[in-house]
Amino acid sequence: MSHNFPEGFAMTNRWWALGALCFAELLVMIDNTIVNVALPTLADDLDAGISGLQWIVDAYTLVFAGLLLTGGYLGDRFGHRRLLLTGIAGFAAVSVLAASSNSLGQLIAARGGLGMFAALVFPATLAIIVAIFTEPKQRAAAVGVWAAISGVAVAIGPVLGGWLLEHYSWTSVFWVNVPVAVIAVLAIVAIVPGTRPEHVARFDFVGMIGSIAGLGLLTYVLIEAPHFGWGDVRTVGGLLVAAVILALFVIHQLRIANPIFDVRLFVNRRFATAAGMISVAFFALFGFIFLITQFFQVVKGYGPLEAGLRTLPFAVVMAVLSPVAMALAHRFGPRPVATIGAFLMSSGFAVAEFSDRTSGYWTLIIVSMSLMAAGLAMISGPCTQVIMDALRPEQAGAGSAINDTTREVGGTLGVAVLGSILTSTYVAGVGDRLTGIGVPHDAVEVAQQSVMAGAAVADGAPESVRDVVRVAVQEVFMDGLHNAVWAAVAVTAVAGVAAAFLLRSETAPSVSPAEPQHAEPVAP
């Protein structure tokens, strides 16, 4: 690969470039969660039901996850800076369309468009960072900052969304993308160096379509599984078809000379384990955000902004500890750091098991949240470094996209699995509890639709029984939350054991975990 870095591109400039790239990363990652707090308003303004509201959220995730590998591959061919600027410009333009939507269908389509352009932006940011930071220790620090931003952004989304909704209409959660995108474009044009591939291999159209179909269908089935049921023929059949498509994709990639992604990398035990660890970490993160925002709103009665602000300690701990995690990984290797991180996340979920509807934020919840954030910081950066170090220079974009895809699919699976456990416990329990205290059948059916619907039924109950109904809804919700949290405890604990065994160094002498395996920096 050749680089058209400006003459004398100094290390100071590299850190400014890192800031610009992380700003672009923040733009697309915040959109994973910023819209959630606007859902009640959207339900009124666009006459959207539960299914429609879910797809306002999920259309972004579905398209984003399905196109990430393609976005990285296109960056490898045409230059990551070019794709990055195209993605940001497209993201801003579609944000205008989203803010101008007059119907549910228009908004869902616009959210899908945002996901498409986000898939161009996200892999390009990491690929350029690895290209411009050639010194091992500084590259590790830069990758750590990038990994921290991806976790912090998910927690910032509800805060920014809540603040905007307190002052403006729901359209503001999309309009805010426009000035942010303009600043990102100006900063990237001014600071980030352009790179171009030295030679371009034959375009793998079949591989591109296979990756889109396989990852897109897998993400769709995971999103819809809680609605259809995990044992439903549509869920099982969809998972089987996705598995077949992805298997055919792998076979095709093994047979051609210039694949979208070298799937043989998954034979590398450390690469495969690091990718799995990131998936588990974001399974826990997205699942946690899903559970805790409902806890804050249904049980504690906080508004959108109040609930969002109470997730900020997660972002703060993540930001503070991510550089520490990278320094420890550089000193001791990623294995002990990621292993400890998984067990910290598991212990954070275990602490949540002691919560009840009266639990105080400062006495229990923040402890649980801080342990999870610390664990995520210890996993995300070091494991991202392991993945990027395993790549050849020309694989930077596609390899970055694999790293990004594990985040999105893991997060989608976290919401699907933990949400299903919570919902199944809640639906079964709330019917019995409310029927037992004499709530009319029609009201019970409404309460069973969702936890938020149950809270609305309690608010509308006669004053003499209002508190009894509210307590019943909250206690059943807590039962569901505890069951879901046990799954998170188990998954993260198993990941810790796996990391301890599978992230160990090869028996032959190898490069330090924080050092790249190739002398040449990775370039688009």
Protein backbone atom coordinates (compact mmCIF):
# COMPACT_ATOMS: atom_id res chain seq x y z
CA MET A 1 0.00 0.00 0.00
CA SER A 2 1.22 3.53 -0.66
CA HIS A 3 0.54 6.56 1.47
CA ASN A 4 0.07 10.13 0.40
CA PHE A 5 0.67 11.45 3.91
CA PRO A 6 1.64 15.11 3.92
CA GLU A 7 5.36 15.84 4.14
CA GLY A 8 6.40 15.90 7.79
CA PHE A 9 3.13 14.51 9.13
CA ALA A 10 4.13 14.93 12.76
CA MET A 11 3.02 12.90 15.77
CA THR A 12 1.13 15.95 17.06
CA ASN A 13 -0.87 15.93 13.83
CA ARG A 14 -1.58 12.23 14.31
CA TRP A 15 -3.23 12.88 17.67
CA TRP A 16 -5.32 15.69 16.17
CA ALA A 17 -6.29 13.28 13.39
CA LEU A 18 -7.27 10.72 16.04
CA GLY A 19 -9.56 13.32 17.59
CA ALA A 20 -11.24 14.01 14.25
CA LEU A 21 -11.70 10.30 13.55
CA CYS A 22 -13.15 9.64 16.99
CA PHE A 23 -15.55 12.55 16.49
CA ALA A 24 -16.79 10.86 13.30
CA GLU A 25 -17.04 7.54 15.16
CA LEU A 26 -19.07 9.24 17.91
CA LEU A 27 -21.52 10.58 15.30
CA VAL A 28 -22.55 7.13 14.04
CA MET A 29 -22.34 5.22 17.35
CA ILE A 30 -24.57 7.63 19.26
CA ASP A 31 -27.35 6.91 16.76
CA ASN A 32 -27.51 3.36 18.14
CA THR A 33 -29.28 4.68 21.25
CA ILE A 34 -30.17 8.38 20.87
CA VAL A 35 -33.57 7.67 19.31
CA ASN A 36 -34.77 5.36 22.10
CA VAL A 37 -35.81 8.14 24.44
CA ALA A 38 -37.90 9.73 21.66
CA LEU A 39 -40.09 6.67 21.16
CA PRO A 40 -43.07 7.79 23.32
CA THR A 41 -43.24 11.09 21.41
CA LEU A 42 -42.87 9.31 18.07
CA ALA A 43 -45.71 6.97 19.01
CA ASP A 44 -48.04 9.99 19.33
CA ASP A 45 -46.81 12.08 16.40
CA LEU A 46 -46.53 9.26 13.83
CA ASP A 47 -49.29 7.03 15.20
CA ALA A 48 -46.79 4.19 15.66
CA GLY A 49 -47.50 0.93 17.47
CA ILE A 50 -45.01 -1.20 19.38
CA SER A 51 -43.80 -2.98 16.23
CA GLY A 52 -43.32 0.30 14.38
CA LEU A 53 -41.36 1.81 17.26
CA GLN A 54 -39.11 -1.23 17.40
CA TRP A 55 -38.30 -0.84 13.72
CA ILE A 56 -37.44 2.83 14.14
CA VAL A 57 -34.66 1.57 16.42
CA ASP A 58 -33.83 -1.68 14.63
CA ALA A 59 -33.72 -0.47 11.01
CA TYR A 60 -30.49 1.33 11.82
CA THR A 61 -28.89 -1.68 13.52
CA LEU A 62 -30.03 -4.09 10.79
CA VAL A 63 -28.55 -2.15 7.86
CA PHE A 64 -25.48 -1.03 9.82
CA ALA A 65 -24.51 -4.59 10.82
CA GLY A 66 -25.36 -6.06 7.42
CA LEU A 67 -23.18 -3.61 5.46
CA LEU A 68 -20.15 -3.19 7.75
CA LEU A 69 -18.04 -5.80 5.97
CA THR A 70 -18.91 -4.27 2.61
CA GLY A 71 -18.05 -0.80 3.91
CA GLY A 72 -14.63 -1.95 5.06
CA TYR A 73 -13.99 -3.76 1.78
CA LEU A 74 -14.90 -0.70 -0.31
CA GLY A 75 -12.54 1.38 1.82
CA ASP A 76 -9.71 -1.07 1.15
CA ARG A 77 -10.31 -0.65 -2.59
CA PHE A 78 -11.09 3.04 -2.99
CA GLY A 79 -9.39 4.65 0.02
CA HIS A 80 -10.73 4.91 3.56
CA ARG A 81 -10.63 8.70 3.78
CA ARG A 82 -12.73 8.98 0.63
CA LEU A 83 -15.29 6.48 1.95
CA LEU A 84 -15.26 8.18 5.35
CA LEU A 85 -16.11 11.59 3.88
CA THR A 86 -18.77 10.03 1.62
CA GLY A 87 -20.31 8.26 4.59
CA ILE A 88 -20.42 11.37 6.79
CA ALA A 89 -21.92 13.50 3.99
CA GLY A 90 -24.55 10.84 3.29
CA PHE A 91 -25.28 10.50 7.01
CA ALA A 92 -25.96 14.24 7.27
CA ALA A 93 -28.20 14.25 4.17
CA VAL A 94 -30.29 11.31 5.36
CA SER A 95 -30.54 12.89 8.84
CA VAL A 96 -32.35 15.80 7.16
CA LEU A 97 -34.75 13.31 5.55
CA ALA A 98 -35.31 11.60 8.90
CA ALA A 99 -36.05 14.90 10.63
CA SER A 100 -38.48 15.79 7.83
CA SER A 101 -40.38 12.48 7.96
CA ASN A 102 -44.16 12.77 8.02
CA SER A 103 -44.94 9.07 8.37
CA LEU A 104 -43.69 6.00 10.17
CA GLY A 105 -42.59 4.36 6.90
CA GLN A 106 -40.51 7.38 5.90
CA LEU A 107 -38.74 7.47 9.24
CA ILE A 108 -37.97 3.73 9.23
CA ALA A 109 -36.58 4.03 5.68
CA ALA A 110 -34.46 7.02 6.73
CA ARG A 111 -33.10 5.09 9.72
CA GLY A 112 -32.07 2.33 7.34
CA GLY A 113 -30.31 4.93 5.17
CA LEU A 114 -28.45 6.23 8.21
CA GLY A 115 -27.29 2.67 8.91
CA MET A 116 -26.02 2.34 5.34
CA PHE A 117 -23.81 5.44 5.54
CA ALA A 118 -22.70 4.59 9.09
CA ALA A 119 -21.32 1.32 7.67
CA LEU A 120 -18.98 3.39 5.48
CA VAL A 121 -17.82 5.57 8.37
CA PHE A 122 -17.19 3.16 11.23
CA PRO A 123 -14.63 0.73 9.71
CA ALA A 124 -12.79 3.58 7.98
CA THR A 125 -12.05 5.34 11.28
CA LEU A 126 -10.20 2.37 12.77
CA ALA A 127 -8.40 1.50 9.51
CA ILE A 128 -7.00 5.05 9.21
CA ILE A 129 -5.94 5.08 12.87
CA VAL A 130 -3.94 1.88 12.36
CA ALA A 131 -2.43 3.40 9.18
CA ILE A 132 -1.17 6.63 10.73
CA PHE A 133 0.02 5.28 14.08
CA THR A 134 3.02 3.14 13.16
CA GLU A 135 4.84 3.10 16.52
CA PRO A 136 3.53 0.12 18.55
CA LYS A 137 2.95 1.82 21.91
CA GLN A 138 1.25 4.86 20.40
CA ARG A 139 -0.82 2.68 18.09
CA ALA A 140 -2.02 0.73 21.12
CA ALA A 141 -2.97 3.97 22.89
CA ALA A 142 -4.81 5.27 19.80
CA VAL A 143 -6.73 2.01 19.35
CA GLY A 144 -7.61 2.14 23.06
CA VAL A 145 -9.07 5.64 22.67
CA TRP A 146 -11.07 4.51 19.63
CA ALA A 147 -12.42 1.47 21.50
CA ALA A 148 -13.37 3.62 24.49
CA ILE A 149 -15.36 6.02 22.31
CA SER A 150 -17.47 3.17 20.89
CA GLY A 151 -18.54 2.19 24.41
CA VAL A 152 -18.91 5.74 25.71
CA ALA A 153 -21.12 6.73 22.75
CA VAL A 154 -23.71 4.08 23.57
CA ALA A 155 -24.09 5.55 27.06
CA ILE A 156 -24.06 9.17 25.85
CA GLY A 157 -26.91 8.59 23.37
CA PRO A 158 -29.74 8.53 25.94
CA VAL A 159 -28.34 11.61 27.71
CA LEU A 160 -28.09 13.70 24.56
CA GLY A 161 -31.47 12.44 23.34
CA GLY A 162 -33.11 13.17 26.69
CA TRP A 163 -31.69 16.70 26.80
CA LEU A 164 -32.82 17.46 23.25
CA LEU A 165 -36.33 16.19 23.93
CA GLU A 166 -36.66 18.37 27.02
CA HIS A 167 -35.94 21.46 24.91
CA TYR A 168 -37.04 20.60 21.36
CA SER A 169 -39.22 18.21 19.34
CA TRP A 170 -38.28 14.64 18.37
CA THR A 171 -36.85 15.90 15.08
CA SER A 172 -33.93 17.39 17.04
CA VAL A 173 -32.37 13.93 17.57
CA PHE A 174 -31.80 13.88 13.80
CA TRP A 175 -31.11 17.58 13.16
CA VAL A 176 -28.25 17.43 15.66
CA ASN A 177 -26.39 15.11 13.28
CA VAL A 178 -26.05 17.86 10.65
CA PRO A 179 -23.77 20.34 12.47
CA VAL A 180 -21.81 17.45 13.98
CA ALA A 181 -21.28 15.98 10.50
CA VAL A 182 -20.18 19.36 9.09
CA ILE A 183 -17.59 19.75 11.86
CA ALA A 184 -16.39 16.17 11.29
CA VAL A 185 -15.97 16.72 7.53
CA LEU A 186 -14.06 20.00 8.01
CA ALA A 187 -11.78 18.42 10.61
CA ILE A 188 -11.06 15.34 8.49
CA VAL A 189 -10.35 17.38 5.34
CA ALA A 190 -8.01 19.66 7.31
CA ILE A 191 -6.20 17.10 9.45
CA VAL A 192 -6.58 13.48 8.34
CA PRO A 193 -4.15 12.38 5.60
CA GLY A 194 -5.42 10.68 2.48
CA THR A 195 -4.32 7.17 1.58
CA ARG A 196 -4.82 5.06 -1.49
CA PRO A 197 -4.27 1.42 -2.40
CA GLU A 198 -1.21 0.69 -4.53
CA HIS A 199 -3.07 -1.92 -6.57
CA VAL A 200 -6.70 -2.99 -6.62
CA ALA A 201 -7.65 -6.66 -6.91
CA ARG A 202 -10.62 -7.96 -8.85
CA PHE A 203 -13.92 -6.93 -7.28
CA ASP A 204 -15.55 -9.76 -5.28
CA PHE A 205 -19.21 -9.05 -6.07
CA VAL A 206 -20.42 -12.51 -5.01
CA GLY A 207 -18.63 -12.20 -1.66
CA MET A 208 -20.09 -8.75 -1.08
CA ILE A 209 -23.66 -9.93 -1.75
CA GLY A 210 -23.09 -13.02 0.42
CA SER A 211 -21.86 -10.99 3.37
CA ILE A 212 -24.78 -8.55 3.11
CA ALA A 213 -27.37 -11.35 2.84
CA GLY A 214 -25.87 -13.51 5.59
CA LEU A 215 -25.17 -10.79 8.16
CA GLY A 216 -28.39 -8.93 7.31
CA LEU A 217 -30.58 -12.01 7.73
CA LEU A 218 -28.80 -13.02 10.94
CA THR A 219 -29.32 -9.56 12.43
CA TYR A 220 -32.98 -9.48 11.31
CA VAL A 221 -33.73 -12.88 12.90
CA LEU A 222 -32.06 -11.84 16.16
CA ILE A 223 -34.13 -8.64 16.23
CA GLU A 224 -37.41 -10.46 15.54
CA ALA A 225 -36.75 -13.56 17.71
CA PRO A 226 -38.23 -12.05 20.91
CA HIS A 227 -41.40 -11.18 18.95
CA PHE A 228 -41.81 -14.50 17.14
CA GLY A 229 -40.40 -16.70 19.92
CA TRP A 230 -37.06 -18.50 19.87
CA GLY A 231 -38.69 -21.85 19.06
CA ASP A 232 -40.88 -20.45 16.28
CA VAL A 233 -40.32 -21.90 12.82
CA ARG A 234 -39.55 -18.42 11.48
CA THR A 235 -36.77 -17.93 14.03
CA VAL A 236 -35.27 -21.41 13.70
CA GLY A 237 -35.65 -21.38 9.92
CA GLY A 238 -34.18 -17.90 9.64
CA LEU A 239 -31.14 -18.86 11.72
CA LEU A 240 -30.61 -21.98 9.60
CA VAL A 241 -30.86 -20.04 6.33
CA ALA A 242 -28.46 -17.36 7.67
CA ALA A 243 -26.03 -20.11 8.69
CA VAL A 244 -26.21 -21.67 5.22
CA ILE A 245 -25.63 -18.32 3.49
CA LEU A 246 -22.66 -17.52 5.75
CA ALA A 247 -21.25 -21.04 5.21
CA LEU A 248 -21.46 -20.54 1.43
CA PHE A 249 -19.83 -17.13 1.90
CA VAL A 250 -16.94 -18.77 3.78
CA ILE A 251 -16.53 -21.44 1.09
CA HIS A 252 -16.46 -18.77 -1.61
CA GLN A 253 -13.92 -16.70 0.32
CA LEU A 254 -11.65 -19.74 0.66
CA ARG A 255 -11.76 -20.45 -3.07
CA ILE A 256 -10.92 -17.06 -4.55
CA ALA A 257 -7.57 -15.29 -4.67
CA ASN A 258 -8.73 -11.87 -3.44
CA PRO A 259 -11.61 -12.32 -0.99
CA ILE A 260 -13.49 -9.58 0.82
CA PHE A 261 -12.14 -11.00 4.04
CA ASP A 262 -9.58 -13.72 4.70
CA VAL A 263 -11.72 -16.10 6.76
CA ARG A 264 -8.61 -18.19 7.47
CA LEU A 265 -7.86 -15.59 10.15
CA PHE A 266 -10.44 -17.31 12.32
CA VAL A 267 -8.12 -20.31 12.46
CA ASN A 268 -5.88 -17.99 14.47
CA ARG A 269 -7.00 -18.80 18.01
CA ARG A 270 -6.16 -15.37 19.42
CA PHE A 271 -7.93 -13.51 16.59
CA ALA A 272 -11.08 -15.65 16.92
CA THR A 273 -11.10 -15.38 20.71
CA ALA A 274 -10.61 -11.61 20.66
CA ALA A 275 -13.50 -11.22 18.20
CA GLY A 276 -15.68 -13.42 20.43
CA MET A 277 -14.71 -11.44 23.54
CA ILE A 278 -15.74 -8.15 21.91
CA SER A 279 -19.04 -9.71 20.87
CA VAL A 280 -19.68 -10.86 24.46
CA ALA A 281 -18.70 -7.47 25.87
CA PHE A 282 -21.18 -5.64 23.65
CA PHE A 283 -23.79 -8.35 24.27
CA ALA A 284 -23.52 -7.32 27.91
CA LEU A 285 -23.33 -3.57 27.21
CA PHE A 286 -26.39 -3.31 24.94
CA GLY A 287 -28.30 -5.74 27.15
CA PHE A 288 -27.43 -3.68 30.22
CA ILE A 289 -28.51 -0.39 28.60
CA PHE A 290 -31.79 -2.05 27.57
CA LEU A 291 -32.47 -3.31 31.11
CA ILE A 292 -31.27 -0.31 33.11
CA THR A 293 -33.15 2.34 31.12
CA GLN A 294 -36.41 0.45 31.76
CA PHE A 295 -35.49 0.08 35.44
CA PHE A 296 -34.89 3.82 35.74
CA GLN A 297 -38.13 4.77 33.99
CA VAL A 298 -40.55 2.05 35.20
CA VAL A 299 -39.28 1.38 38.72
CA LYS A 300 -37.58 4.62 39.73
CA GLY A 301 -39.91 6.90 37.76
CA TYR A 302 -37.19 9.00 36.12
CA GLY A 303 -37.85 10.98 32.95
CA PRO A 304 -35.80 10.45 29.76
CA LEU A 305 -33.10 12.98 30.66
CA GLU A 306 -32.88 11.84 34.29
CA ALA A 307 -32.54 8.22 33.15
CA GLY A 308 -29.92 9.14 30.59
CA LEU A 309 -27.86 11.15 33.08
CA ARG A 310 -27.73 8.18 35.40
CA THR A 311 -25.93 6.14 32.74
CA LEU A 312 -23.15 8.75 32.54
CA PRO A 313 -20.95 7.10 35.22
CA PHE A 314 -20.71 4.13 32.86
CA ALA A 315 -19.25 6.39 30.18
CA VAL A 316 -16.91 8.13 32.65
CA VAL A 317 -15.48 4.88 34.05
CA MET A 318 -15.08 3.52 30.53
CA ALA A 319 -13.23 6.64 29.36
CA VAL A 320 -10.92 6.76 32.40
CA LEU A 321 -9.98 3.08 32.43
CA SER A 322 -9.57 2.43 28.70
CA PRO A 323 -6.06 3.99 28.51
CA VAL A 324 -5.15 2.10 31.70
CA ALA A 325 -6.34 -1.16 30.12
CA MET A 326 -4.18 -0.56 27.03
CA ALA A 327 -1.13 0.22 29.17
CA LEU A 328 -1.66 -2.99 31.14
CA ALA A 329 -2.13 -4.98 27.93
CA HIS A 330 1.10 -3.52 26.53
CA ARG A 331 2.92 -4.49 29.73
CA PHE A 332 1.38 -7.89 30.51
CA GLY A 333 -0.34 -8.91 27.27
CA PRO A 334 -4.07 -8.90 26.46
CA ARG A 335 -4.83 -12.28 28.05
CA PRO A 336 -4.83 -11.32 31.77
CA VAL A 337 -6.41 -7.92 31.07
CA ALA A 338 -9.32 -9.28 28.99
CA THR A 339 -9.83 -12.17 31.42
CA ILE A 340 -10.10 -9.81 34.39
CA GLY A 341 -12.40 -7.60 32.31
CA ALA A 342 -14.84 -10.44 31.65
CA PHE A 343 -14.98 -11.34 35.33
CA LEU A 344 -15.47 -7.68 36.28
CA MET A 345 -18.46 -7.49 33.93
CA SER A 346 -19.81 -10.73 35.38
CA SER A 347 -19.41 -9.41 38.93
CA GLY A 348 -21.18 -6.18 37.94
CA PHE A 349 -24.19 -8.15 36.75
CA ALA A 350 -24.00 -10.33 39.89
CA VAL A 351 -24.22 -7.21 42.07
CA ALA A 352 -27.39 -6.26 40.17
CA GLU A 353 -28.95 -9.51 41.39
CA PHE A 354 -29.16 -7.95 44.87
CA SER A 355 -31.31 -5.08 43.61
CA ASP A 356 -35.00 -4.67 44.24
CA ARG A 357 -37.50 -1.97 43.38
CA THR A 358 -36.36 0.15 46.37
CA SER A 359 -32.63 -0.10 45.66
CA GLY A 360 -30.84 3.24 45.79
CA TYR A 361 -28.89 4.52 42.82
CA TRP A 362 -25.80 5.53 44.81
CA THR A 363 -25.76 2.48 47.09
CA LEU A 364 -26.04 -0.37 44.59
CA ILE A 365 -26.78 0.57 40.97
CA ILE A 366 -23.71 2.72 40.47
CA VAL A 367 -21.48 -0.03 41.89
CA SER A 368 -22.91 -2.54 39.44
CA MET A 369 -22.59 -0.06 36.57
CA SER A 370 -18.98 0.84 37.39
CA LEU A 371 -17.88 -2.79 37.52
CA MET A 372 -19.46 -3.44 34.11
CA ALA A 373 -17.84 -0.33 32.60
CA ALA A 374 -14.44 -1.28 34.01
CA GLY A 375 -14.79 -4.76 32.54
CA LEU A 376 -15.80 -3.41 29.13
CA ALA A 377 -12.77 -1.11 29.10
CA MET A 378 -10.46 -4.05 29.90
CA ILE A 379 -11.89 -6.12 27.03
CA SER A 380 -12.62 -3.66 24.25
CA GLY A 381 -9.28 -1.97 23.59
CA PRO A 382 -6.89 -4.92 24.14
CA CYS A 383 -9.03 -7.32 22.07
CA THR A 384 -9.38 -4.76 19.27
CA GLN A 385 -5.59 -4.52 19.24
CA VAL A 386 -5.26 -8.31 18.93
CA ILE A 387 -7.62 -8.30 15.94
CA MET A 388 -5.89 -5.46 14.11
CA ASP A 389 -2.41 -6.89 14.75
CA ALA A 390 -3.39 -10.12 12.99
CA LEU A 391 -4.15 -8.36 9.68
CA ARG A 392 -2.10 -7.81 6.56
CA PRO A 393 -1.92 -4.15 5.44
CA GLU A 394 -4.45 -4.58 2.64
CA GLN A 395 -6.97 -6.14 5.07
CA ALA A 396 -7.30 -3.10 7.33
CA GLY A 397 -10.80 -2.12 6.25
CA ALA A 398 -12.35 -5.58 6.14
CA GLY A 399 -10.60 -6.55 9.37
CA SER A 400 -11.82 -3.39 11.06
CA ALA A 401 -15.31 -4.23 9.80
CA ILE A 402 -15.12 -7.69 11.41
CA ASN A 403 -14.21 -5.98 14.67
CA ASP A 404 -17.14 -3.61 14.22
CA THR A 405 -19.57 -6.34 13.17
CA THR A 406 -18.85 -8.32 16.33
CA ARG A 407 -19.90 -5.23 18.29
CA GLU A 408 -23.18 -4.74 16.43
CA VAL A 409 -24.23 -8.41 16.23
CA GLY A 410 -23.18 -8.99 19.84
CA GLY A 411 -25.19 -5.97 20.95
CA THR A 412 -28.22 -7.03 18.94
CA LEU A 413 -28.03 -10.50 20.46
CA GLY A 414 -27.74 -8.99 23.95
CA VAL A 415 -30.95 -6.99 23.57
CA ALA A 416 -32.72 -9.97 21.96
CA VAL A 417 -31.73 -12.57 24.56
CA LEU A 418 -31.93 -10.46 27.73
CA GLY A 419 -35.05 -8.74 26.42
CA SER A 420 -36.71 -12.10 25.71
CA ILE A 421 -35.95 -13.40 29.20
CA LEU A 422 -37.24 -10.21 30.81
CA THR A 423 -40.38 -10.14 28.65
CA SER A 424 -41.30 -13.81 29.09
CA THR A 425 -40.98 -13.56 32.87
CA TYR A 426 -42.90 -10.30 32.97
CA VAL A 427 -45.79 -11.39 30.72
CA ALA A 428 -46.33 -14.62 32.65
CA GLY A 429 -46.01 -13.00 36.06
CA VAL A 430 -47.91 -9.76 35.61
CA GLY A 431 -51.05 -11.54 34.41
CA ASP A 432 -51.20 -13.68 37.55
CA ARG A 433 -50.37 -10.82 39.91
CA LEU A 434 -52.85 -8.31 38.49
CA THR A 435 -55.64 -10.88 38.14
CA GLY A 436 -55.04 -11.91 41.73
CA ILE A 437 -55.64 -8.36 43.01
CA GLY A 438 -58.81 -7.92 40.96
CA VAL A 439 -57.59 -5.86 37.99
CA PRO A 440 -60.10 -6.15 35.08
CA HIS A 441 -59.20 -8.57 32.30
CA ASP A 442 -58.92 -5.84 29.64
CA ALA A 443 -56.47 -3.87 31.79
CA VAL A 444 -54.43 -7.03 32.44
CA GLU A 445 -54.13 -7.63 28.70
CA VAL A 446 -52.89 -4.09 28.19
CA ALA A 447 -50.35 -4.47 31.01
CA GLN A 448 -49.01 -7.66 29.42
CA GLN A 449 -48.07 -5.84 26.21
CA SER A 450 -44.95 -4.31 27.75
CA VAL A 451 -43.46 -3.09 31.01
CA MET A 452 -44.18 0.51 30.03
CA ALA A 453 -47.80 -0.45 29.33
CA GLY A 454 -47.98 -2.00 32.80
CA ALA A 455 -46.74 1.24 34.33
CA ALA A 456 -49.42 3.14 32.36
CA VAL A 457 -52.13 0.77 33.68
CA ALA A 458 -50.92 1.45 37.23
CA ASP A 459 -51.03 5.21 36.65
CA GLY A 460 -54.60 4.94 35.36
CA ALA A 461 -55.88 2.69 38.18
CA PRO A 462 -58.27 4.01 40.84
CA GLU A 463 -56.41 5.81 43.62
CA SER A 464 -57.37 3.17 46.20
CA VAL A 465 -55.47 0.43 44.33
CA ARG A 466 -52.99 2.47 42.31
CA ASP A 467 -50.03 1.81 44.58
CA VAL A 468 -50.84 -1.90 44.84
CA VAL A 469 -50.95 -2.26 41.05
CA ARG A 470 -47.76 -0.23 40.63
CA VAL A 471 -45.88 -2.35 43.18
CA ALA A 472 -47.11 -5.54 41.48
CA VAL A 473 -45.89 -4.35 38.05
CA GLN A 474 -42.54 -3.25 39.46
CA GLU A 475 -41.95 -6.46 41.39
CA VAL A 476 -42.75 -8.65 38.39
CA PHE A 477 -40.43 -6.48 36.30
CA MET A 478 -37.66 -7.01 38.86
CA ASP A 479 -38.21 -10.78 38.67
CA GLY A 480 -37.72 -10.59 34.90
CA LEU A 481 -34.68 -8.35 35.27
CA HIS A 482 -33.06 -10.78 37.73
CA ASN A 483 -33.62 -13.71 35.38
CA ALA A 484 -32.12 -11.78 32.47
CA VAL A 485 -29.16 -10.68 34.56
CA TRP A 486 -28.37 -14.30 35.49
CA ALA A 487 -27.89 -15.00 31.77
CA ALA A 488 -25.48 -12.06 31.52
CA VAL A 489 -23.56 -13.28 34.59
CA ALA A 490 -23.16 -16.72 33.00
CA VAL A 491 -22.17 -15.50 29.52
CA THR A 492 -19.51 -13.07 30.76
CA ALA A 493 -18.11 -15.58 33.28
CA VAL A 494 -17.75 -18.23 30.57
CA ALA A 495 -16.03 -15.62 28.39
CA GLY A 496 -13.55 -14.98 31.20
CA VAL A 497 -12.67 -18.67 31.43
CA ALA A 498 -12.36 -18.89 27.65
CA ALA A 499 -10.05 -15.86 27.51
CA ALA A 500 -7.79 -17.33 30.18
CA PHE A 501 -7.21 -20.44 28.06
CA LEU A 502 -7.55 -19.22 24.48
CA LEU A 503 -5.80 -15.83 24.52
CA ARG A 504 -2.51 -17.34 25.65
CA SER A 505 0.49 -16.70 23.42
CA GLU A 506 1.65 -19.24 20.88
CA THR A 507 4.45 -21.52 22.03
CA ALA A 508 6.81 -20.08 19.44
CA PRO A 509 8.33 -16.67 20.13
CA SER A 510 5.97 -13.98 18.92
CA VAL A 511 5.61 -10.26 18.75
CA SER A 512 4.51 -8.42 21.87
CA PRO A 513 0.71 -8.26 22.00
CA ALA A 514 0.71 -4.52 21.54
CA GLU A 515 3.08 -4.62 18.56
CA PRO A 516 1.93 -5.00 14.95
CA GLN A 517 2.92 -8.19 13.19
CA HIS A 518 3.86 -6.29 10.03
CA ALA A 519 6.50 -3.67 9.53
CA GLU A 520 4.33 -1.71 7.14
CA PRO A 521 1.45 0.28 8.62
CA VAL A 522 -2.02 -0.74 7.55
CA ALA A 523 -3.49 1.57 4.94
CA PRO A 524 -6.76 1.77 3.10
